[in-house]
Amino acid sequence: MRSGHALVLFSGGQDSATCLAWALTHFARVETVGFDYGQRHRVELAQRQVVLASLRERFPQWAPRLGDDHVLDLAVLGHISDTALTRDAAIRMTAEGLPNTFVPGRNLLFFQLAAAIGYRRGLHTLVGGMCETDFSGYPDCRDDTLKALQVALSLGMGQRFTVETPLMWLDKAATWQMALELGGPALVELMVEDTHTCYHGDRTHRHAWGYGCGQCPACELRAAGHARWQAAG
C-alpha cells in the first residue's frame, strides 16, 4: 500500500476505470473526478455512476477505500473548442496530423482542476489514464507533457503533487490484461458491460469488447486491443 491518498480522473471509459482499479489496489483512500465539457459522447457521464456502483457492490475489498465523486461543469471548454468531440462533425484527420477529436488543453485543464480539489482534500496523487503507446497522437497524453505538468502543479500549488499514469507504456491488450490481474474476470466483465469509450456515444451495439459504434478511433483501439489480448491468452 502506498502512502497518501489519490484522486483519479475518471471519465467512465475503460482506461480511466482500469486506473481507478489500480488506485484502489495501491491507496487507502481514493476519490474520483469527472468533467462535463459538452462532450457528444456524454453517455460516459451516466456510465461513470454505473461503474462506481458496480465497483462498490462487486469488490468488497475496494468499497471502503472508494470515497467521494466530484463532477465539474466545464461547459466553457466545449464553447471554445471546435472539435468532433464537442460538436456533431465527422471524425477525420486535420492538416496538423491530429484527429479532430483532439480537444486542445483538455488534459492540462483537467489536471489543474483536479489539483485544486486535491489541495483542498489532501489528495496529492493525481491518477490519469493517459497513454502514448496505443493512442490517437494527442500531445497532452504524452509522458513528457505530464511530467512537465507535475512540476508546474507542484510549484504553482506550493505542495508536492505526483501525477501517476499507470497505462502510459501499455498497449490496449496490456490494459485488458491489467484489469484481469487487478480484479479477475469480474473486473473484465465490468469493463465490457459498464465502461464507455465510443466517441459517438453508442450504447446499442454490443461487441465482445463492449458497447460502441465499432468504427470510431476509440472503438477501433479498444476492439483491436481486446482481440490481441484474447489471442495472446
C-alpha atoms as a PDB file:
ATOM      1  CA  MET A   1       0.000   0.000   0.000  1.00  0.00           C
ATOM      2  CA  ARG A   2       1.360   3.413  -0.979  1.00  0.00           C
ATOM      3  CA  SER A   3       1.369   6.363   1.346  1.00  0.00           C
ATOM      4  CA  GLY A   4      -1.008   9.238   0.759  1.00  0.00           C
ATOM      5  CA  HIS A   5      -4.372   9.409  -0.946  1.00  0.00           C
ATOM      6  CA  ALA A   6      -5.288   9.551  -4.631  1.00  0.00           C
ATOM      7  CA  LEU A   7      -7.681  11.411  -6.900  1.00  0.00           C
ATOM      8  CA  VAL A   8      -8.488   9.603 -10.154  1.00  0.00           C
ATOM      9  CA  LEU A   9      -9.509  11.466 -13.295  1.00  0.00           C
ATOM     10  CA  PHE A  10     -12.424   9.182 -14.089  1.00  0.00           C
ATOM     11  CA  SER A  11     -14.342   9.589 -17.342  1.00  0.00           C
ATOM     12  CA  GLY A  12     -16.305   6.344 -17.292  1.00  0.00           C
ATOM     13  CA  GLY A  13     -14.156   4.801 -20.018  1.00  0.00           C
ATOM     14  CA  GLN A  14     -12.077   1.637 -19.991  1.00  0.00           C
ATOM     15  CA  ASP A  15      -8.715   3.322 -19.414  1.00  0.00           C
ATOM     16  CA  SER A  16      -9.761   5.506 -16.502  1.00  0.00           C
ATOM     17  CA  ALA A  17     -11.747   2.654 -14.943  1.00  0.00           C
ATOM     18  CA  THR A  18      -8.644   0.454 -15.095  1.00  0.00           C
ATOM     19  CA  CYS A  19      -6.662   3.249 -13.453  1.00  0.00           C
ATOM     20  CA  LEU A  20      -9.336   3.533 -10.768  1.00  0.00           C
ATOM     21  CA  ALA A  21      -8.973  -0.176 -10.003  1.00  0.00           C
ATOM     22  CA  TRP A  22      -5.192   0.303  -9.906  1.00  0.00           C
ATOM     23  CA  ALA A  23      -5.536   3.190  -7.442  1.00  0.00           C
ATOM     24  CA  LEU A  24      -7.921   1.218  -5.232  1.00  0.00           C
ATOM     25  CA  THR A  25      -5.293  -1.518  -5.073  1.00  0.00           C
ATOM     26  CA  HIS A  26      -2.487   0.860  -4.106  1.00  0.00           C
ATOM     27  CA  PHE A  27      -4.031   3.608  -1.941  1.00  0.00           C
ATOM     28  CA  ALA A  28      -6.008   3.583   1.296  1.00  0.00           C
ATOM     29  CA  ARG A  29      -8.413   6.298   0.128  1.00  0.00           C
ATOM     30  CA  VAL A  30      -9.385   7.132  -3.430  1.00  0.00           C
ATOM     31  CA  GLU A  31     -11.714   9.805  -4.759  1.00  0.00           C
ATOM     32  CA  THR A  32     -12.799  10.425  -8.347  1.00  0.00           C
ATOM     33  CA  VAL A  33     -13.411  13.459 -10.506  1.00  0.00           C
ATOM     34  CA  GLY A  34     -15.222  13.744 -13.824  1.00  0.00           C
ATOM     35  CA  PHE A  35     -15.742  16.630 -16.221  1.00  0.00           C
ATOM     36  CA  ASP A  36     -18.809  17.687 -18.187  1.00  0.00           C
ATOM     37  CA  TYR A  37     -17.448  19.749 -21.064  1.00  0.00           C
ATOM     38  CA  GLY A  38     -20.312  19.268 -23.523  1.00  0.00           C
ATOM     39  CA  GLN A  39     -18.831  16.095 -24.991  1.00  0.00           C
ATOM     40  CA  ARG A  40     -21.033  14.495 -27.636  1.00  0.00           C
ATOM     41  CA  HIS A  41     -20.422  11.094 -26.024  1.00  0.00           C
ATOM     42  CA  ARG A  42     -21.839  12.376 -22.746  1.00  0.00           C
ATOM     43  CA  VAL A  43     -23.339   8.962 -22.098  1.00  0.00           C
ATOM     44  CA  GLU A  44     -19.959   8.361 -20.426  1.00  0.00           C
ATOM     45  CA  LEU A  45     -21.109  10.668 -17.617  1.00  0.00           C
ATOM     46  CA  ALA A  46     -24.015   8.334 -16.876  1.00  0.00           C
ATOM     47  CA  GLN A  47     -21.764   5.274 -17.122  1.00  0.00           C
ATOM     48  CA  ARG A  48     -19.436   6.772 -14.518  1.00  0.00           C
ATOM     49  CA  GLN A  49     -22.100   6.239 -11.881  1.00  0.00           C
ATOM     50  CA  VAL A  50     -22.804   2.709 -13.123  1.00  0.00           C
ATOM     51  CA  VAL A  51     -19.130   1.785 -12.858  1.00  0.00           C
ATOM     52  CA  LEU A  52     -18.758   3.315  -9.397  1.00  0.00           C
ATOM     53  CA  ALA A  53     -21.837   1.467  -8.143  1.00  0.00           C
ATOM     54  CA  SER A  54     -20.603  -1.803  -9.636  1.00  0.00           C
ATOM     55  CA  LEU A  55     -17.193  -1.420  -8.019  1.00  0.00           C
ATOM     56  CA  ARG A  56     -18.751  -0.842  -4.613  1.00  0.00           C
ATOM     57  CA  GLU A  57     -21.133  -3.772  -4.986  1.00  0.00           C
ATOM     58  CA  ARG A  58     -18.868  -6.363  -6.591  1.00  0.00           C
ATOM     59  CA  PHE A  59     -15.494  -5.637  -4.996  1.00  0.00           C
ATOM     60  CA  PRO A  60     -15.883  -5.505  -1.214  1.00  0.00           C
ATOM     61  CA  GLN A  61     -12.110  -5.220  -0.778  1.00  0.00           C
ATOM     62  CA  TRP A  62     -12.212  -1.869  -2.580  1.00  0.00           C
ATOM     63  CA  ALA A  63     -15.554  -0.445  -1.461  1.00  0.00           C
ATOM     64  CA  PRO A  64     -14.310   1.036   1.861  1.00  0.00           C
ATOM     65  CA  ARG A  65     -11.494   2.835   0.040  1.00  0.00           C
ATOM     66  CA  LEU A  66     -13.680   4.414  -2.638  1.00  0.00           C
ATOM     67  CA  GLY A  67     -14.601   7.865  -1.419  1.00  0.00           C
ATOM     68  CA  ASP A  68     -16.388  10.881  -2.843  1.00  0.00           C
ATOM     69  CA  ASP A  69     -17.011  11.508  -6.516  1.00  0.00           C
ATOM     70  CA  HIS A  70     -16.758  15.027  -7.941  1.00  0.00           C
ATOM     71  CA  VAL A  71     -18.212  16.234 -11.253  1.00  0.00           C
ATOM     72  CA  LEU A  72     -17.178  19.630 -12.571  1.00  0.00           C
ATOM     73  CA  ASP A  73     -19.086  21.683 -15.140  1.00  0.00           C
ATOM     74  CA  LEU A  74     -16.602  22.694 -17.835  1.00  0.00           C
ATOM     75  CA  ALA A  75     -19.058  23.891 -20.451  1.00  0.00           C
ATOM     76  CA  VAL A  76     -16.649  26.683 -21.322  1.00  0.00           C
ATOM     77  CA  LEU A  77     -14.231  24.109 -22.764  1.00  0.00           C
ATOM     78  CA  GLY A  78     -16.888  22.944 -25.186  1.00  0.00           C
ATOM     79  CA  HIS A  79     -17.706  26.535 -26.103  1.00  0.00           C
ATOM     80  CA  ILE A  80     -14.138  27.414 -27.085  1.00  0.00           C
ATOM     81  CA  SER A  81     -13.375  24.079 -28.774  1.00  0.00           C
ATOM     82  CA  ASP A  82     -14.167  23.307 -32.384  1.00  0.00           C
ATOM     83  CA  THR A  83     -13.736  19.547 -32.387  1.00  0.00           C
ATOM     84  CA  ALA A  84     -15.593  16.370 -33.276  1.00  0.00           C
ATOM     85  CA  LEU A  85     -15.954  15.621 -29.562  1.00  0.00           C
ATOM     86  CA  THR A  86     -17.779  18.850 -28.791  1.00  0.00           C
ATOM     87  CA  ARG A  87     -19.959  19.211 -31.895  1.00  0.00           C
ATOM     88  CA  ASP A  88     -21.690  16.998 -34.435  1.00  0.00           C
ATOM     89  CA  ALA A  89     -18.973  16.581 -37.047  1.00  0.00           C
ATOM     90  CA  ALA A  90     -17.415  13.716 -38.956  1.00  0.00           C
ATOM     91  CA  ILE A  91     -14.238  12.358 -37.382  1.00  0.00           C
ATOM     92  CA  ARG A  92     -11.229  12.973 -39.624  1.00  0.00           C
ATOM     93  CA  MET A  93      -7.541  13.830 -39.591  1.00  0.00           C
ATOM     94  CA  THR A  94      -6.593  17.513 -39.622  1.00  0.00           C
ATOM     95  CA  ALA A  95      -3.819  19.288 -41.501  1.00  0.00           C
ATOM     96  CA  GLU A  96      -1.768  19.229 -38.293  1.00  0.00           C
ATOM     97  CA  GLY A  97      -1.731  15.429 -38.358  1.00  0.00           C
ATOM     98  CA  LEU A  98      -4.083  15.046 -35.383  1.00  0.00           C
ATOM     99  CA  PRO A  99      -7.613  13.652 -35.397  1.00  0.00           C
ATOM    100  CA  ASN A 100     -10.235  16.357 -34.991  1.00  0.00           C
ATOM    101  CA  THR A 101     -11.307  14.620 -31.772  1.00  0.00           C
ATOM    102  CA  PHE A 102      -8.394  16.394 -30.064  1.00  0.00           C
ATOM    103  CA  VAL A 103      -9.742  18.973 -27.598  1.00  0.00           C
ATOM    104  CA  PRO A 104      -6.863  21.455 -27.116  1.00  0.00           C
ATOM    105  CA  GLY A 105      -5.853  21.914 -23.494  1.00  0.00           C
ATOM    106  CA  ARG A 106      -8.338  19.365 -22.159  1.00  0.00           C
ATOM    107  CA  ASN A 107      -5.996  17.242 -20.067  1.00  0.00           C
ATOM    108  CA  LEU A 108      -3.996  20.268 -18.939  1.00  0.00           C
ATOM    109  CA  LEU A 109      -7.167  21.851 -17.593  1.00  0.00           C
ATOM    110  CA  PHE A 110      -8.403  18.582 -16.112  1.00  0.00           C
ATOM    111  CA  PHE A 111      -5.232  18.107 -14.077  1.00  0.00           C
ATOM    112  CA  GLN A 112      -5.150  21.729 -12.960  1.00  0.00           C
ATOM    113  CA  LEU A 113      -8.680  21.488 -11.591  1.00  0.00           C
ATOM    114  CA  ALA A 114      -8.015  18.054 -10.107  1.00  0.00           C
ATOM    115  CA  ALA A 115      -5.024  19.512  -8.280  1.00  0.00           C
ATOM    116  CA  ALA A 116      -7.233  22.265  -6.873  1.00  0.00           C
ATOM    117  CA  ILE A 117      -9.585  19.607  -5.484  1.00  0.00           C
ATOM    118  CA  GLY A 118      -6.624  17.586  -4.233  1.00  0.00           C
ATOM    119  CA  TYR A 119      -5.160  20.630  -2.497  1.00  0.00           C
ATOM    120  CA  ARG A 120      -8.376  21.130  -0.547  1.00  0.00           C
ATOM    121  CA  ARG A 121      -8.975  17.467   0.270  1.00  0.00           C
ATOM    122  CA  GLY A 122      -5.439  16.226   0.902  1.00  0.00           C
ATOM    123  CA  LEU A 123      -5.232  14.139  -2.288  1.00  0.00           C
ATOM    124  CA  HIS A 124      -1.721  14.655  -3.583  1.00  0.00           C
ATOM    125  CA  THR A 125      -1.537  11.818  -6.099  1.00  0.00           C
ATOM    126  CA  LEU A 126      -3.423  12.505  -9.324  1.00  0.00           C
ATOM    127  CA  VAL A 127      -4.089   9.457 -11.482  1.00  0.00           C
ATOM    128  CA  GLY A 128      -4.933   9.579 -15.188  1.00  0.00           C
ATOM    129  CA  GLY A 129      -5.408   7.026 -17.953  1.00  0.00           C
ATOM    130  CA  MET A 130      -3.181   8.755 -20.499  1.00  0.00           C
ATOM    131  CA  CYS A 131      -1.080   6.560 -22.760  1.00  0.00           C
ATOM    132  CA  GLU A 132       1.309   7.149 -25.651  1.00  0.00           C
ATOM    133  CA  THR A 133       1.583   3.540 -26.819  1.00  0.00           C
ATOM    134  CA  ASP A 134      -1.870   2.859 -28.279  1.00  0.00           C
ATOM    135  CA  PHE A 135      -3.315   6.366 -28.607  1.00  0.00           C
ATOM    136  CA  SER A 136      -4.548   8.911 -31.137  1.00  0.00           C
ATOM    137  CA  GLY A 137      -1.481  11.129 -31.060  1.00  0.00           C
ATOM    138  CA  TYR A 138      -2.855  13.676 -28.592  1.00  0.00           C
ATOM    139  CA  PRO A 139       0.081  15.776 -27.343  1.00  0.00           C
ATOM    140  CA  ASP A 140      -1.459  16.190 -23.867  1.00  0.00           C
ATOM    141  CA  CYS A 141      -1.339  12.397 -23.374  1.00  0.00           C
ATOM    142  CA  ARG A 142       2.446  12.203 -23.689  1.00  0.00           C
ATOM    143  CA  ASP A 143       4.745  11.360 -20.820  1.00  0.00           C
ATOM    144  CA  ASP A 144       6.860  14.499 -21.292  1.00  0.00           C
ATOM    145  CA  THR A 145       3.754  16.691 -21.100  1.00  0.00           C
ATOM    146  CA  LEU A 146       2.570  15.115 -17.867  1.00  0.00           C
ATOM    147  CA  LYS A 147       5.998  15.189 -16.234  1.00  0.00           C
ATOM    148  CA  ALA A 148       6.227  18.898 -17.003  1.00  0.00           C
ATOM    149  CA  LEU A 149       2.696  19.392 -15.706  1.00  0.00           C
ATOM    150  CA  GLN A 150       3.575  17.639 -12.454  1.00  0.00           C
ATOM    151  CA  VAL A 151       6.381  20.126 -11.889  1.00  0.00           C
ATOM    152  CA  ALA A 152       4.154  23.094 -12.745  1.00  0.00           C
ATOM    153  CA  LEU A 153       1.340  21.939 -10.449  1.00  0.00           C
ATOM    154  CA  SER A 154       3.685  21.357  -7.531  1.00  0.00           C
ATOM    155  CA  LEU A 155       5.313  24.764  -7.943  1.00  0.00           C
ATOM    156  CA  GLY A 156       2.061  26.604  -8.544  1.00  0.00           C
ATOM    157  CA  MET A 157       0.210  24.984  -5.645  1.00  0.00           C
ATOM    158  CA  GLY A 158       3.085  25.163  -3.186  1.00  0.00           C
ATOM    159  CA  GLN A 159       2.597  21.468  -2.430  1.00  0.00           C
ATOM    160  CA  ARG A 160       4.108  18.332  -3.891  1.00  0.00           C
ATOM    161  CA  PHE A 161       1.765  16.651  -6.397  1.00  0.00           C
ATOM    162  CA  THR A 162       2.515  13.375  -8.144  1.00  0.00           C
ATOM    163  CA  VAL A 163       0.934  12.564 -11.486  1.00  0.00           C
ATOM    164  CA  GLU A 164       0.565   8.820 -11.975  1.00  0.00           C
ATOM    165  CA  THR A 165      -0.202   7.312 -15.394  1.00  0.00           C
ATOM    166  CA  PRO A 166      -0.293   3.518 -14.952  1.00  0.00           C
ATOM    167  CA  LEU A 167      -1.122   2.914 -18.632  1.00  0.00           C
ATOM    168  CA  MET A 168       1.491   5.212 -20.164  1.00  0.00           C
ATOM    169  CA  TRP A 169       3.621   2.450 -21.696  1.00  0.00           C
ATOM    170  CA  LEU A 170       0.923  -0.203 -22.142  1.00  0.00           C
ATOM    171  CA  ASP A 171      -0.934  -1.018 -25.318  1.00  0.00           C
ATOM    172  CA  LYS A 172      -4.653  -1.781 -25.181  1.00  0.00           C
ATOM    173  CA  ALA A 173      -4.064  -5.533 -24.980  1.00  0.00           C
ATOM    174  CA  ALA A 174      -1.934  -4.990 -21.883  1.00  0.00           C
ATOM    175  CA  THR A 175      -4.666  -2.755 -20.431  1.00  0.00           C
ATOM    176  CA  TRP A 176      -7.155  -5.626 -20.677  1.00  0.00           C
ATOM    177  CA  GLN A 177      -4.575  -7.866 -19.014  1.00  0.00           C
ATOM    178  CA  MET A 178      -4.078  -5.337 -16.215  1.00  0.00           C
ATOM    179  CA  ALA A 179      -7.812  -5.393 -15.492  1.00  0.00           C
ATOM    180  CA  LEU A 180      -7.686  -9.178 -15.248  1.00  0.00           C
ATOM    181  CA  GLU A 181      -4.719  -9.077 -12.884  1.00  0.00           C
ATOM    182  CA  LEU A 182      -6.276  -6.392 -10.690  1.00  0.00           C
ATOM    183  CA  GLY A 183      -9.784  -7.736 -10.347  1.00  0.00           C
ATOM    184  CA  GLY A 184     -10.038 -11.070 -12.153  1.00  0.00           C
ATOM    185  CA  PRO A 185     -12.774 -11.991 -14.647  1.00  0.00           C
ATOM    186  CA  ALA A 186     -15.304  -9.923 -12.692  1.00  0.00           C
ATOM    187  CA  LEU A 187     -13.426  -6.722 -13.416  1.00  0.00           C
ATOM    188  CA  VAL A 188     -13.010  -7.627 -17.090  1.00  0.00           C
ATOM    189  CA  GLU A 189     -16.772  -8.200 -17.263  1.00  0.00           C
ATOM    190  CA  LEU A 190     -17.350  -4.803 -15.665  1.00  0.00           C
ATOM    191  CA  MET A 191     -15.091  -3.193 -18.283  1.00  0.00           C
ATOM    192  CA  VAL A 192     -17.061  -4.832 -21.087  1.00  0.00           C
ATOM    193  CA  GLU A 193     -20.555  -4.169 -19.749  1.00  0.00           C
ATOM    194  CA  ASP A 194     -20.310  -0.864 -17.891  1.00  0.00           C
ATOM    195  CA  THR A 195     -17.499   1.328 -19.225  1.00  0.00           C
ATOM    196  CA  HIS A 196     -17.954   3.529 -22.289  1.00  0.00           C
ATOM    197  CA  THR A 197     -15.357   4.617 -24.840  1.00  0.00           C
ATOM    198  CA  CYS A 198     -17.181   5.185 -28.147  1.00  0.00           C
ATOM    199  CA  TYR A 199     -16.917   8.776 -29.406  1.00  0.00           C
ATOM    200  CA  HIS A 200     -20.424   8.547 -30.862  1.00  0.00           C
ATOM    201  CA  GLY A 201     -21.958   7.556 -27.535  1.00  0.00           C
ATOM    202  CA  ASP A 202     -23.384   4.326 -28.979  1.00  0.00           C
ATOM    203  CA  ARG A 203     -24.796   2.039 -26.259  1.00  0.00           C
ATOM    204  CA  THR A 204     -26.981  -0.001 -28.626  1.00  0.00           C
ATOM    205  CA  HIS A 205     -24.375  -2.215 -30.310  1.00  0.00           C
ATOM    206  CA  ARG A 206     -22.818  -4.822 -28.005  1.00  0.00           C
ATOM    207  CA  HIS A 207     -19.492  -6.375 -29.056  1.00  0.00           C
ATOM    208  CA  ALA A 208     -17.164  -8.821 -27.329  1.00  0.00           C
ATOM    209  CA  TRP A 209     -15.179  -5.811 -26.066  1.00  0.00           C
ATOM    210  CA  GLY A 210     -18.156  -3.710 -25.007  1.00  0.00           C
ATOM    211  CA  TYR A 211     -20.623  -1.206 -26.421  1.00  0.00           C
ATOM    212  CA  GLY A 212     -19.921   1.188 -29.277  1.00  0.00           C
ATOM    213  CA  CYS A 213     -20.275   2.017 -32.942  1.00  0.00           C
ATOM    214  CA  GLY A 214     -17.250  -0.130 -33.782  1.00  0.00           C
ATOM    215  CA  GLN A 215     -15.952   2.396 -36.305  1.00  0.00           C
ATOM    216  CA  CYS A 216     -14.671   5.483 -34.472  1.00  0.00           C
ATOM    217  CA  PRO A 217     -10.992   5.622 -33.426  1.00  0.00           C
ATOM    218  CA  ALA A 218     -11.822   4.883 -29.777  1.00  0.00           C
ATOM    219  CA  CYS A 219     -13.803   1.772 -30.700  1.00  0.00           C
ATOM    220  CA  GLU A 220     -11.134   0.587 -33.118  1.00  0.00           C
ATOM    221  CA  LEU A 221      -8.389   0.878 -30.493  1.00  0.00           C
ATOM    222  CA  ARG A 222     -10.480  -0.896 -27.882  1.00  0.00           C
ATOM    223  CA  ALA A 223     -11.562  -3.683 -30.248  1.00  0.00           C
ATOM    224  CA  ALA A 224      -8.059  -4.283 -31.616  1.00  0.00           C
ATOM    225  CA  GLY A 225      -6.595  -4.423 -28.114  1.00  0.00           C
ATOM    226  CA  HIS A 226      -9.243  -6.867 -26.963  1.00  0.00           C
ATOM    227  CA  ALA A 227      -8.595  -9.105 -29.972  1.00  0.00           C
ATOM    228  CA  ARG A 228      -4.827  -9.117 -29.347  1.00  0.00           C
ATOM    229  CA  TRP A 229      -5.369  -9.826 -25.660  1.00  0.00           C
ATOM    230  CA  GLN A 230      -7.659 -12.780 -26.370  1.00  0.00           C
ATOM    231  CA  ALA A 231      -5.282 -14.143 -28.997  1.00  0.00           C
ATOM    232  CA  ALA A 232      -2.382 -13.975 -26.540  1.00  0.00           C
ATOM    233  CA  GLY A 233      -4.364 -15.769 -23.864  1.00  0.00           C
END
